[in-house]
Every structure is written in C-alpha cells, then in structure tokens.
Amino acid sequence: LALSPELGAGALTVGAAHPPLALPPTVTIDTHVIDARFDPPV
C-alpha cells in the first residue's frame, strides 16, 4: 500500500479498521508491526 510520500518520522498510529474476530481456543493471531522508517527498524 502507498500511504503518503511525506509520512516522515513523526508519530504513526496503526490499528485494525474492523472489529477483532472471535477465535476458537486452538487459534491465535499475533500481530507484528515493524517501523522501518528507522535504522535499525523498531
């Protein structure tokens, strides 16, 4: 996805636009957010 060419290094909020799914006990979903605007990435 193209977000903005002028995004810069300021505060960026990332969140789900949809409600979370109700999952069965044997399934988990983990989220990994990598901020590669910095070196090393966060």
PDB file of all heavy atoms in Angstrom:
ATOM      1  N   LEU A   1       0.836  -1.197   0.000  1.00  0.00           N
ATOM      2  CA  LEU A   1       0.000   0.000   0.000  1.00  0.00           C
ATOM      3  C   LEU A   1       0.871   1.248   0.000  1.00  0.00           C
ATOM      4  O   LEU A   1       1.921   1.278   0.645  1.00  0.00           O
ATOM      5  CB  LEU A   1      -0.908   0.037   1.231  1.00  0.00           C
ATOM      6  CG  LEU A   1      -1.787  -1.185   1.518  1.00  0.00           C
ATOM      7  CD1 LEU A   1      -2.625  -0.941   2.768  1.00  0.00           C
ATOM      8  CD2 LEU A   1      -2.671  -1.502   0.324  1.00  0.00           C
ATOM      9  N   ALA A   2       0.434   2.256  -0.711  1.00  0.00           N
ATOM     10  CA  ALA A   2       1.079   3.570  -0.675  1.00  0.00           C
ATOM     11  C   ALA A   2       0.337   4.425   0.335  1.00  0.00           C
ATOM     12  O   ALA A   2      -0.863   4.673   0.194  1.00  0.00           O
ATOM     13  CB  ALA A   2       1.050   4.211  -2.056  1.00  0.00           C
ATOM     14  N   LEU A   3       1.034   4.885   1.390  1.00  0.00           N
ATOM     15  CA  LEU A   3       0.407   5.689   2.436  1.00  0.00           C
ATOM     16  C   LEU A   3       0.523   7.173   2.143  1.00  0.00           C
ATOM     17  O   LEU A   3      -0.450   7.859   1.879  1.00  0.00           O
ATOM     18  CB  LEU A   3       1.042   5.370   3.795  1.00  0.00           C
ATOM     19  CG  LEU A   3       0.945   3.921   4.263  1.00  0.00           C
ATOM     20  CD1 LEU A   3       1.625   3.758   5.614  1.00  0.00           C
ATOM     21  CD2 LEU A   3      -0.501   3.460   4.343  1.00  0.00           C
ATOM     22  N   SER A   4       1.743   7.683   2.197  1.00  0.00           N
ATOM     23  CA  SER A   4       1.988   9.095   1.924  1.00  0.00           C
ATOM     24  C   SER A   4       3.478   9.299   1.708  1.00  0.00           C
ATOM     25  O   SER A   4       4.287   8.871   2.531  1.00  0.00           O
ATOM     26  CB  SER A   4       1.513   9.963   3.088  1.00  0.00           C
ATOM     27  OG  SER A   4       1.954  11.307   2.923  1.00  0.00           O
ATOM     28  N   PRO A   5       3.866   9.952   0.625  1.00  0.00           N
ATOM     29  CA  PRO A   5       5.299  10.203   0.385  1.00  0.00           C
ATOM     30  C   PRO A   5       5.897  11.165   1.403  1.00  0.00           C
ATOM     31  O   PRO A   5       7.109  11.253   1.540  1.00  0.00           O
ATOM     32  CB  PRO A   5       5.318  10.788  -1.030  1.00  0.00           C
ATOM     33  CG  PRO A   5       3.956  11.373  -1.226  1.00  0.00           C
ATOM     34  CD  PRO A   5       3.028  10.481  -0.464  1.00  0.00           C
ATOM     35  N   GLU A   6       5.040  11.882   2.142  1.00  0.00           N
ATOM     36  CA  GLU A   6       5.509  12.844   3.141  1.00  0.00           C
ATOM     37  C   GLU A   6       5.258  12.329   4.562  1.00  0.00           C
ATOM     38  O   GLU A   6       5.054  13.103   5.488  1.00  0.00           O
ATOM     39  CB  GLU A   6       4.796  14.179   2.941  1.00  0.00           C
ATOM     40  CG  GLU A   6       5.006  14.783   1.548  1.00  0.00           C
ATOM     41  CD  GLU A   6       4.218  16.067   1.356  1.00  0.00           C
ATOM     42  OE1 GLU A   6       3.422  16.399   2.263  1.00  0.00           O
ATOM     43  OE2 GLU A   6       4.377  16.706   0.306  1.00  0.00           O
ATOM     44  N   LEU A   7       5.304  11.009   4.713  1.00  0.00           N
ATOM     45  CA  LEU A   7       4.987  10.414   6.002  1.00  0.00           C
ATOM     46  C   LEU A   7       5.941  10.880   7.091  1.00  0.00           C
ATOM     47  O   LEU A   7       5.537  11.227   8.193  1.00  0.00           O
ATOM     48  CB  LEU A   7       5.025   8.882   5.890  1.00  0.00           C
ATOM     49  CG  LEU A   7       4.607   8.099   7.134  1.00  0.00           C
ATOM     50  CD1 LEU A   7       3.187   8.450   7.536  1.00  0.00           C
ATOM     51  CD2 LEU A   7       4.724   6.597   6.868  1.00  0.00           C
ATOM     52  N   GLY A   8       7.236  10.923   6.794  1.00  0.00           N
ATOM     53  CA  GLY A   8       8.221  11.393   7.768  1.00  0.00           C
ATOM     54  C   GLY A   8       8.399  10.431   8.924  1.00  0.00           C
ATOM     55  O   GLY A   8       7.954   9.280   8.898  1.00  0.00           O
ATOM     56  N   ALA A   9       9.048  10.928   9.973  1.00  0.00           N
ATOM     57  CA  ALA A   9       9.380  10.087  11.126  1.00  0.00           C
ATOM     58  C   ALA A   9       8.530  10.426  12.347  1.00  0.00           C
ATOM     59  O   ALA A   9       8.878  10.052  13.460  1.00  0.00           O
ATOM     60  CB  ALA A   9      10.863  10.237  11.466  1.00  0.00           C
ATOM     61  N   GLY A  10       7.431  11.147  12.146  1.00  0.00           N
ATOM     62  CA  GLY A  10       6.572  11.508  13.270  1.00  0.00           C
ATOM     63  C   GLY A  10       5.765  10.330  13.778  1.00  0.00           C
ATOM     64  O   GLY A  10       5.858   9.209  13.269  1.00  0.00           O
ATOM     65  N   ALA A  11       4.955  10.591  14.799  1.00  0.00           N
ATOM     66  CA  ALA A  11       4.134   9.532  15.396  1.00  0.00           C
ATOM     67  C   ALA A  11       3.146   8.982  14.373  1.00  0.00           C
ATOM     68  O   ALA A  11       2.475   9.729  13.657  1.00  0.00           O
ATOM     69  CB  ALA A  11       3.388  10.077  16.609  1.00  0.00           C
ATOM     70  N   LEU A  12       3.076   7.668  14.281  1.00  0.00           N
ATOM     71  CA  LEU A  12       2.169   6.986  13.357  1.00  0.00           C
ATOM     72  C   LEU A  12       1.359   5.967  14.147  1.00  0.00           C
ATOM     73  O   LEU A  12       1.922   5.122  14.845  1.00  0.00           O
ATOM     74  CB  LEU A  12       2.956   6.290  12.250  1.00  0.00           C
ATOM     75  CG  LEU A  12       2.124   5.520  11.213  1.00  0.00           C
ATOM     76  CD1 LEU A  12       1.287   6.486  10.372  1.00  0.00           C
ATOM     77  CD2 LEU A  12       3.019   4.671  10.317  1.00  0.00           C
ATOM     78  N   THR A  13       0.033   6.048  14.035  1.00  0.00           N
ATOM     79  CA  THR A  13      -0.852   5.114  14.723  1.00  0.00           C
ATOM     80  C   THR A  13      -1.352   4.068  13.742  1.00  0.00           C
ATOM     81  O   THR A  13      -1.841   4.409  12.659  1.00  0.00           O
ATOM     82  CB  THR A  13      -2.041   5.850  15.352  1.00  0.00           C
ATOM     83  OG1 THR A  13      -1.558   6.855  16.251  1.00  0.00           O
ATOM     84  CG2 THR A  13      -2.936   4.888  16.106  1.00  0.00           C
ATOM     85  N   VAL A  14      -1.218   2.802  14.131  1.00  0.00           N
ATOM     86  CA  VAL A  14      -1.631   1.687  13.279  1.00  0.00           C
ATOM     87  C   VAL A  14      -2.637   0.849  14.052  1.00  0.00           C
ATOM     88  O   VAL A  14      -2.366   0.412  15.177  1.00  0.00           O
ATOM     89  CB  VAL A  14      -0.426   0.817  12.876  1.00  0.00           C
ATOM     90  CG1 VAL A  14      -0.865  -0.303  11.941  1.00  0.00           C
ATOM     91  CG2 VAL A  14       0.655   1.664  12.217  1.00  0.00           C
ATOM     92  N   GLY A  15      -3.809   0.629  13.465  1.00  0.00           N
ATOM     93  CA  GLY A  15      -4.835  -0.150  14.148  1.00  0.00           C
ATOM     94  C   GLY A  15      -5.758  -0.835  13.166  1.00  0.00           C
ATOM     95  O   GLY A  15      -5.793  -0.490  11.981  1.00  0.00           O
ATOM     96  N   ALA A  16      -6.496  -1.820  13.654  1.00  0.00           N
ATOM     97  CA  ALA A  16      -7.447  -2.541  12.814  1.00  0.00           C
ATOM     98  C   ALA A  16      -8.667  -1.672  12.548  1.00  0.00           C
ATOM     99  O   ALA A  16      -9.197  -1.036  13.456  1.00  0.00           O
ATOM    100  CB  ALA A  16      -7.861  -3.843  13.481  1.00  0.00           C
ATOM    101  N   ALA A  17      -9.111  -1.666  11.298  1.00  0.00           N
ATOM    102  CA  ALA A  17     -10.314  -0.914  10.945  1.00  0.00           C
ATOM    103  C   ALA A  17     -11.576  -1.732  11.200  1.00  0.00           C
ATOM    104  O   ALA A  17     -12.670  -1.176  11.261  1.00  0.00           O
ATOM    105  CB  ALA A  17     -10.256  -0.495   9.471  1.00  0.00           C
ATOM    106  N   HIS A  18     -11.425  -3.058  11.345  1.00  0.00           N
ATOM    107  CA  HIS A  18     -12.560  -3.946  11.606  1.00  0.00           C
ATOM    108  C   HIS A  18     -12.506  -4.440  13.044  1.00  0.00           C
ATOM    109  O   HIS A  18     -11.439  -4.447  13.673  1.00  0.00           O
ATOM    110  CB  HIS A  18     -12.527  -5.152  10.660  1.00  0.00           C
ATOM    111  CG  HIS A  18     -12.579  -4.789   9.206  1.00  0.00           C
ATOM    112  ND1 HIS A  18     -13.301  -3.716   8.741  1.00  0.00           N
ATOM    113  CD2 HIS A  18     -11.994  -5.360   8.107  1.00  0.00           C
ATOM    114  CE1 HIS A  18     -13.178  -3.641   7.422  1.00  0.00           C
ATOM    115  NE2 HIS A  18     -12.376  -4.619   7.014  1.00  0.00           N
ATOM    116  N   PRO A  19     -13.628  -4.872  13.590  1.00  0.00           N
ATOM    117  CA  PRO A  19     -13.614  -5.449  14.949  1.00  0.00           C
ATOM    118  C   PRO A  19     -12.826  -6.750  14.951  1.00  0.00           C
ATOM    119  O   PRO A  19     -12.726  -7.430  13.918  1.00  0.00           O
ATOM    120  CB  PRO A  19     -15.100  -5.679  15.238  1.00  0.00           C
ATOM    121  CG  PRO A  19     -15.741  -5.785  13.889  1.00  0.00           C
ATOM    122  CD  PRO A  19     -14.982  -4.865  12.993  1.00  0.00           C
ATOM    123  N   PRO A  20     -12.259  -7.137  16.103  1.00  0.00           N
ATOM    124  CA  PRO A  20     -11.490  -8.382  16.158  1.00  0.00           C
ATOM    125  C   PRO A  20     -12.374  -9.599  15.959  1.00  0.00           C
ATOM    126  O   PRO A  20     -13.543  -9.610  16.348  1.00  0.00           O
ATOM    127  CB  PRO A  20     -10.876  -8.360  17.564  1.00  0.00           C
ATOM    128  CG  PRO A  20     -11.787  -7.474  18.357  1.00  0.00           C
ATOM    129  CD  PRO A  20     -12.290  -6.429  17.395  1.00  0.00           C
ATOM    130  N   LEU A  21     -11.807 -10.610  15.334  1.00  0.00           N
ATOM    131  CA  LEU A  21     -12.533 -11.855  15.137  1.00  0.00           C
ATOM    132  C   LEU A  21     -12.609 -12.638  16.444  1.00  0.00           C
ATOM    133  O   LEU A  21     -11.658 -12.667  17.223  1.00  0.00           O
ATOM    134  CB  LEU A  21     -11.824 -12.727  14.090  1.00  0.00           C
ATOM    135  CG  LEU A  21     -11.952 -12.311  12.625  1.00  0.00           C
ATOM    136  CD1 LEU A  21     -11.121 -13.250  11.758  1.00  0.00           C
ATOM    137  CD2 LEU A  21     -13.402 -12.339  12.178  1.00  0.00           C
ATOM    138  N   ALA A  22     -13.735 -13.293  16.677  1.00  0.00           N
ATOM    139  CA  ALA A  22     -13.850 -14.221  17.799  1.00  0.00           C
ATOM    140  C   ALA A  22     -13.229 -15.539  17.358  1.00  0.00           C
ATOM    141  O   ALA A  22     -13.676 -16.144  16.380  1.00  0.00           O
ATOM    142  CB  ALA A  22     -15.317 -14.404  18.178  1.00  0.00           C
ATOM    143  N   LEU A  23     -12.179 -15.974  18.056  1.00  0.00           N
ATOM    144  CA  LEU A  23     -11.417 -17.133  17.621  1.00  0.00           C
ATOM    145  C   LEU A  23     -11.684 -18.329  18.526  1.00  0.00           C
ATOM    146  O   LEU A  23     -11.928 -18.170  19.722  1.00  0.00           O
ATOM    147  CB  LEU A  23      -9.915 -16.814  17.643  1.00  0.00           C
ATOM    148  CG  LEU A  23      -9.469 -15.630  16.787  1.00  0.00           C
ATOM    149  CD1 LEU A  23      -8.005 -15.324  17.043  1.00  0.00           C
ATOM    150  CD2 LEU A  23      -9.698 -15.933  15.308  1.00  0.00           C
ATOM    151  N   PRO A  24     -11.598 -19.543  17.985  1.00  0.00           N
ATOM    152  CA  PRO A  24     -11.689 -20.741  18.837  1.00  0.00           C
ATOM    153  C   PRO A  24     -10.447 -20.839  19.711  1.00  0.00           C
ATOM    154  O   PRO A  24      -9.415 -20.226  19.416  1.00  0.00           O
ATOM    155  CB  PRO A  24     -11.759 -21.892  17.816  1.00  0.00           C
ATOM    156  CG  PRO A  24     -11.164 -21.335  16.562  1.00  0.00           C
ATOM    157  CD  PRO A  24     -11.492 -19.878  16.545  1.00  0.00           C
ATOM    158  N   PRO A  25     -10.506 -21.622  20.806  1.00  0.00           N
ATOM    159  CA  PRO A  25      -9.381 -21.681  21.742  1.00  0.00           C
ATOM    160  C   PRO A  25      -8.077 -22.154  21.119  1.00  0.00           C
ATOM    161  O   PRO A  25      -6.999 -21.833  21.605  1.00  0.00           O
ATOM    162  CB  PRO A  25      -9.872 -22.670  22.810  1.00  0.00           C
ATOM    163  CG  PRO A  25     -11.354 -22.644  22.711  1.00  0.00           C
ATOM    164  CD  PRO A  25     -11.660 -22.394  21.269  1.00  0.00           C
ATOM    165  N   THR A  26      -8.151 -22.948  20.028  1.00  0.00           N
ATOM    166  CA  THR A  26      -6.934 -23.506  19.434  1.00  0.00           C
ATOM    167  C   THR A  26      -6.298 -22.582  18.398  1.00  0.00           C
ATOM    168  O   THR A  26      -5.295 -22.937  17.791  1.00  0.00           O
ATOM    169  CB  THR A  26      -7.247 -24.855  18.764  1.00  0.00           C
ATOM    170  OG1 THR A  26      -8.296 -24.670  17.801  1.00  0.00           O
ATOM    171  CG2 THR A  26      -7.682 -25.874  19.805  1.00  0.00           C
ATOM    172  N   VAL A  27      -6.861 -21.402  18.178  1.00  0.00           N
ATOM    173  CA  VAL A  27      -6.335 -20.491  17.161  1.00  0.00           C
ATOM    174  C   VAL A  27      -5.962 -19.164  17.802  1.00  0.00           C
ATOM    175  O   VAL A  27      -6.705 -18.630  18.619  1.00  0.00           O
ATOM    176  CB  VAL A  27      -7.381 -20.247  16.037  1.00  0.00           C
ATOM    177  CG1 VAL A  27      -6.853 -19.248  15.018  1.00  0.00           C
ATOM    178  CG2 VAL A  27      -7.742 -21.562  15.347  1.00  0.00           C
ATOM    179  N   THR A  28      -4.798 -18.650  17.454  1.00  0.00           N
ATOM    180  CA  THR A  28      -4.381 -17.325  17.889  1.00  0.00           C
ATOM    181  C   THR A  28      -3.890 -16.543  16.689  1.00  0.00           C
ATOM    182  O   THR A  28      -3.417 -17.128  15.709  1.00  0.00           O
ATOM    183  CB  THR A  28      -3.252 -17.391  18.937  1.00  0.00           C
ATOM    184  OG1 THR A  28      -2.100 -18.013  18.339  1.00  0.00           O
ATOM    185  CG2 THR A  28      -3.670 -18.168  20.156  1.00  0.00           C
ATOM    186  N   ILE A  29      -4.025 -15.239  16.747  1.00  0.00           N
ATOM    187  CA  ILE A  29      -3.481 -14.354  15.713  1.00  0.00           C
ATOM    188  C   ILE A  29      -2.575 -13.338  16.400  1.00  0.00           C
ATOM    189  O   ILE A  29      -3.025 -12.589  17.262  1.00  0.00           O
ATOM    190  CB  ILE A  29      -4.595 -13.636  14.928  1.00  0.00           C
ATOM    191  CG1 ILE A  29      -5.448 -14.654  14.162  1.00  0.00           C
ATOM    192  CG2 ILE A  29      -3.990 -12.620  13.959  1.00  0.00           C
ATOM    193  CD1 ILE A  29      -6.583 -14.046  13.373  1.00  0.00           C
ATOM    194  N   ASP A  30      -1.299 -13.356  16.054  1.00  0.00           N
ATOM    195  CA  ASP A  30      -0.333 -12.414  16.597  1.00  0.00           C
ATOM    196  C   ASP A  30      -0.035 -11.352  15.550  1.00  0.00           C
ATOM    197  O   ASP A  30      -0.019 -11.627  14.349  1.00  0.00           O
ATOM    198  CB  ASP A  30       0.959 -13.121  16.996  1.00  0.00           C
ATOM    199  CG  ASP A  30       0.729 -14.155  18.085  1.00  0.00           C
ATOM    200  OD1 ASP A  30      -0.129 -13.899  18.940  1.00  0.00           O
ATOM    201  OD2 ASP A  30       1.394 -15.197  18.068  1.00  0.00           O
ATOM    202  N   THR A  31       0.206 -10.145  16.006  1.00  0.00           N
ATOM    203  CA  THR A  31       0.488  -9.023  15.113  1.00  0.00           C
ATOM    204  C   THR A  31       1.910  -8.528  15.337  1.00  0.00           C
ATOM    205  O   THR A  31       2.339  -8.354  16.473  1.00  0.00           O
ATOM    206  CB  THR A  31      -0.499  -7.865  15.357  1.00  0.00           C
ATOM    207  OG1 THR A  31      -1.832  -8.334  15.099  1.00  0.00           O
ATOM    208  CG2 THR A  31      -0.196  -6.699  14.430  1.00  0.00           C
ATOM    209  N   HIS A  32       2.623  -8.313  14.245  1.00  0.00           N
ATOM    210  CA  HIS A  32       3.991  -7.803  14.296  1.00  0.00           C
ATOM    211  C   HIS A  32       4.059  -6.547  13.430  1.00  0.00           C
ATOM    212  O   HIS A  32       3.814  -6.611  12.225  1.00  0.00           O
ATOM    213  CB  HIS A  32       4.981  -8.847  13.791  1.00  0.00           C
ATOM    214  CG  HIS A  32       4.823 -10.193  14.445  1.00  0.00           C
ATOM    215  ND1 HIS A  32       5.349 -10.476  15.676  1.00  0.00           N
ATOM    216  CD2 HIS A  32       4.153 -11.304  14.050  1.00  0.00           C
ATOM    217  CE1 HIS A  32       5.042 -11.722  16.009  1.00  0.00           C
ATOM    218  NE2 HIS A  32       4.303 -12.239  15.039  1.00  0.00           N
ATOM    219  N   VAL A  33       4.323  -5.432  14.065  1.00  0.00           N
ATOM    220  CA  VAL A  33       4.425  -4.151  13.354  1.00  0.00           C
ATOM    221  C   VAL A  33       5.893  -3.736  13.346  1.00  0.00           C
ATOM    222  O   VAL A  33       6.524  -3.628  14.407  1.00  0.00           O
ATOM    223  CB  VAL A  33       3.566  -3.066  14.031  1.00  0.00           C
ATOM    224  CG1 VAL A  33       3.647  -1.765  13.240  1.00  0.00           C
ATOM    225  CG2 VAL A  33       2.114  -3.530  14.148  1.00  0.00           C
ATOM    226  N   ILE A  34       6.427  -3.518  12.152  1.00  0.00           N
ATOM    227  CA  ILE A  34       7.830  -3.130  12.004  1.00  0.00           C
ATOM    228  C   ILE A  34       7.878  -1.710  11.445  1.00  0.00           C
ATOM    229  O   ILE A  34       7.372  -1.447  10.347  1.00  0.00           O
ATOM    230  CB  ILE A  34       8.579  -4.086  11.060  1.00  0.00           C
ATOM    231  CG1 ILE A  34       8.520  -5.518  11.593  1.00  0.00           C
ATOM    232  CG2 ILE A  34      10.025  -3.647  10.880  1.00  0.00           C
ATOM    233  CD1 ILE A  34       9.130  -6.550  10.668  1.00  0.00           C
ATOM    234  N   ASP A  35       8.478  -0.816  12.203  1.00  0.00           N
ATOM    235  CA  ASP A  35       8.639   0.562  11.755  1.00  0.00           C
ATOM    236  C   ASP A  35      10.023   0.679  11.111  1.00  0.00           C
ATOM    237  O   ASP A  35      11.028   0.897  11.781  1.00  0.00           O
ATOM    238  CB  ASP A  35       8.511   1.521  12.932  1.00  0.00           C
ATOM    239  CG  ASP A  35       8.400   2.971  12.491  1.00  0.00           C
ATOM    240  OD1 ASP A  35       8.625   3.238  11.291  1.00  0.00           O
ATOM    241  OD2 ASP A  35       8.094   3.836  13.332  1.00  0.00           O
ATOM    242  N   ALA A  36      10.062   0.507   9.781  1.00  0.00           N
ATOM    243  CA  ALA A  36      11.321   0.539   9.036  1.00  0.00           C
ATOM    244  C   ALA A  36      11.697   1.946   8.613  1.00  0.00           C
ATOM    245  O   ALA A  36      12.590   2.123   7.774  1.00  0.00           O
ATOM    246  CB  ALA A  36      11.226  -0.381   7.814  1.00  0.00           C
ATOM    247  N   ARG A  37      11.061   2.950   9.196  1.00  0.00           N
ATOM    248  CA  ARG A  37      11.468   4.333   8.927  1.00  0.00           C
ATOM    249  C   ARG A  37      12.771   4.652   9.651  1.00  0.00           C
ATOM    250  O   ARG A  37      13.392   5.685   9.386  1.00  0.00           O
ATOM    251  CB  ARG A  37      10.379   5.302   9.383  1.00  0.00           C
ATOM    252  CG  ARG A  37       9.050   5.172   8.637  1.00  0.00           C
ATOM    253  CD  ARG A  37       7.996   6.116   9.208  1.00  0.00           C
ATOM    254  NE  ARG A  37       7.682   5.780  10.597  1.00  0.00           N
ATOM    255  CZ  ARG A  37       6.997   6.587  11.413  1.00  0.00           C
ATOM    256  NH1 ARG A  37       6.589   7.771  10.973  1.00  0.00           N
ATOM    257  NH2 ARG A  37       6.743   6.209  12.650  1.00  0.00           N
ATOM    258  N   PHE A  38      13.177   3.755  10.558  1.00  0.00           N
ATOM    259  CA  PHE A  38      14.378   3.987  11.354  1.00  0.00           C
ATOM    260  C   PHE A  38      15.373   2.855  11.142  1.00  0.00           C
ATOM    261  O   PHE A  38      15.010   1.759  10.710  1.00  0.00           O
ATOM    262  CB  PHE A  38      14.007   4.093  12.840  1.00  0.00           C
ATOM    263  CG  PHE A  38      12.974   5.141  13.140  1.00  0.00           C
ATOM    264  CD1 PHE A  38      11.625   4.823  13.171  1.00  0.00           C
ATOM    265  CD2 PHE A  38      13.353   6.456  13.369  1.00  0.00           C
ATOM    266  CE1 PHE A  38      10.667   5.782  13.434  1.00  0.00           C
ATOM    267  CE2 PHE A  38      12.403   7.431  13.632  1.00  0.00           C
ATOM    268  CZ  PHE A  38      11.057   7.096  13.666  1.00  0.00           C
ATOM    269  N   ASP A  39      16.623   3.124  11.444  1.00  0.00           N
ATOM    270  CA  ASP A  39      17.682   2.130  11.336  1.00  0.00           C
ATOM    271  C   ASP A  39      18.386   2.015  12.693  1.00  0.00           C
ATOM    272  O   ASP A  39      19.021   2.981  13.130  1.00  0.00           O
ATOM    273  CB  ASP A  39      18.684   2.528  10.247  1.00  0.00           C
ATOM    274  CG  ASP A  39      19.710   1.443   9.985  1.00  0.00           C
ATOM    275  OD1 ASP A  39      19.441   0.278  10.345  1.00  0.00           O
ATOM    276  OD2 ASP A  39      20.778   1.769   9.428  1.00  0.00           O
ATOM    277  N   PRO A  40      18.274   0.868  13.366  1.00  0.00           N
ATOM    278  CA  PRO A  40      17.563  -0.343  12.944  1.00  0.00           C
ATOM    279  C   PRO A  40      16.057  -0.193  13.093  1.00  0.00           C
ATOM    280  O   PRO A  40      15.587   0.649  13.857  1.00  0.00           O
ATOM    281  CB  PRO A  40      18.111  -1.402  13.909  1.00  0.00           C
ATOM    282  CG  PRO A  40      18.438  -0.633  15.145  1.00  0.00           C
ATOM    283  CD  PRO A  40      18.946   0.699  14.677  1.00  0.00           C
ATOM    284  N   PRO A  41      15.302  -1.018  12.357  1.00  0.00           N
ATOM    285  CA  PRO A  41      13.841  -0.940  12.446  1.00  0.00           C
ATOM    286  C   PRO A  41      13.346  -1.227  13.858  1.00  0.00           C
ATOM    287  O   PRO A  41      13.990  -1.940  14.623  1.00  0.00           O
ATOM    288  CB  PRO A  41      13.370  -2.026  11.464  1.00  0.00           C
ATOM    289  CG  PRO A  41      14.516  -2.210  10.527  1.00  0.00           C
ATOM    290  CD  PRO A  41      15.748  -2.005  11.361  1.00  0.00           C
ATOM    291  N   VAL A  42      12.200  -0.655  14.190  1.00  0.00           N
ATOM    292  CA  VAL A  42      11.577  -0.858  15.502  1.00  0.00           C
ATOM    293  C   VAL A  42      10.480  -1.901  15.344  1.00  0.00           C
ATOM    294  O   VAL A  42       9.604  -1.767  14.481  1.00  0.00           O
ATOM    295  CB  VAL A  42      10.990   0.457  16.050  1.00  0.00           C
ATOM    296  CG1 VAL A  42      10.313   0.220  17.388  1.00  0.00           C
ATOM    297  CG2 VAL A  42      12.082   1.512  16.167  1.00  0.00           C
TER     298      VAL A  42
END
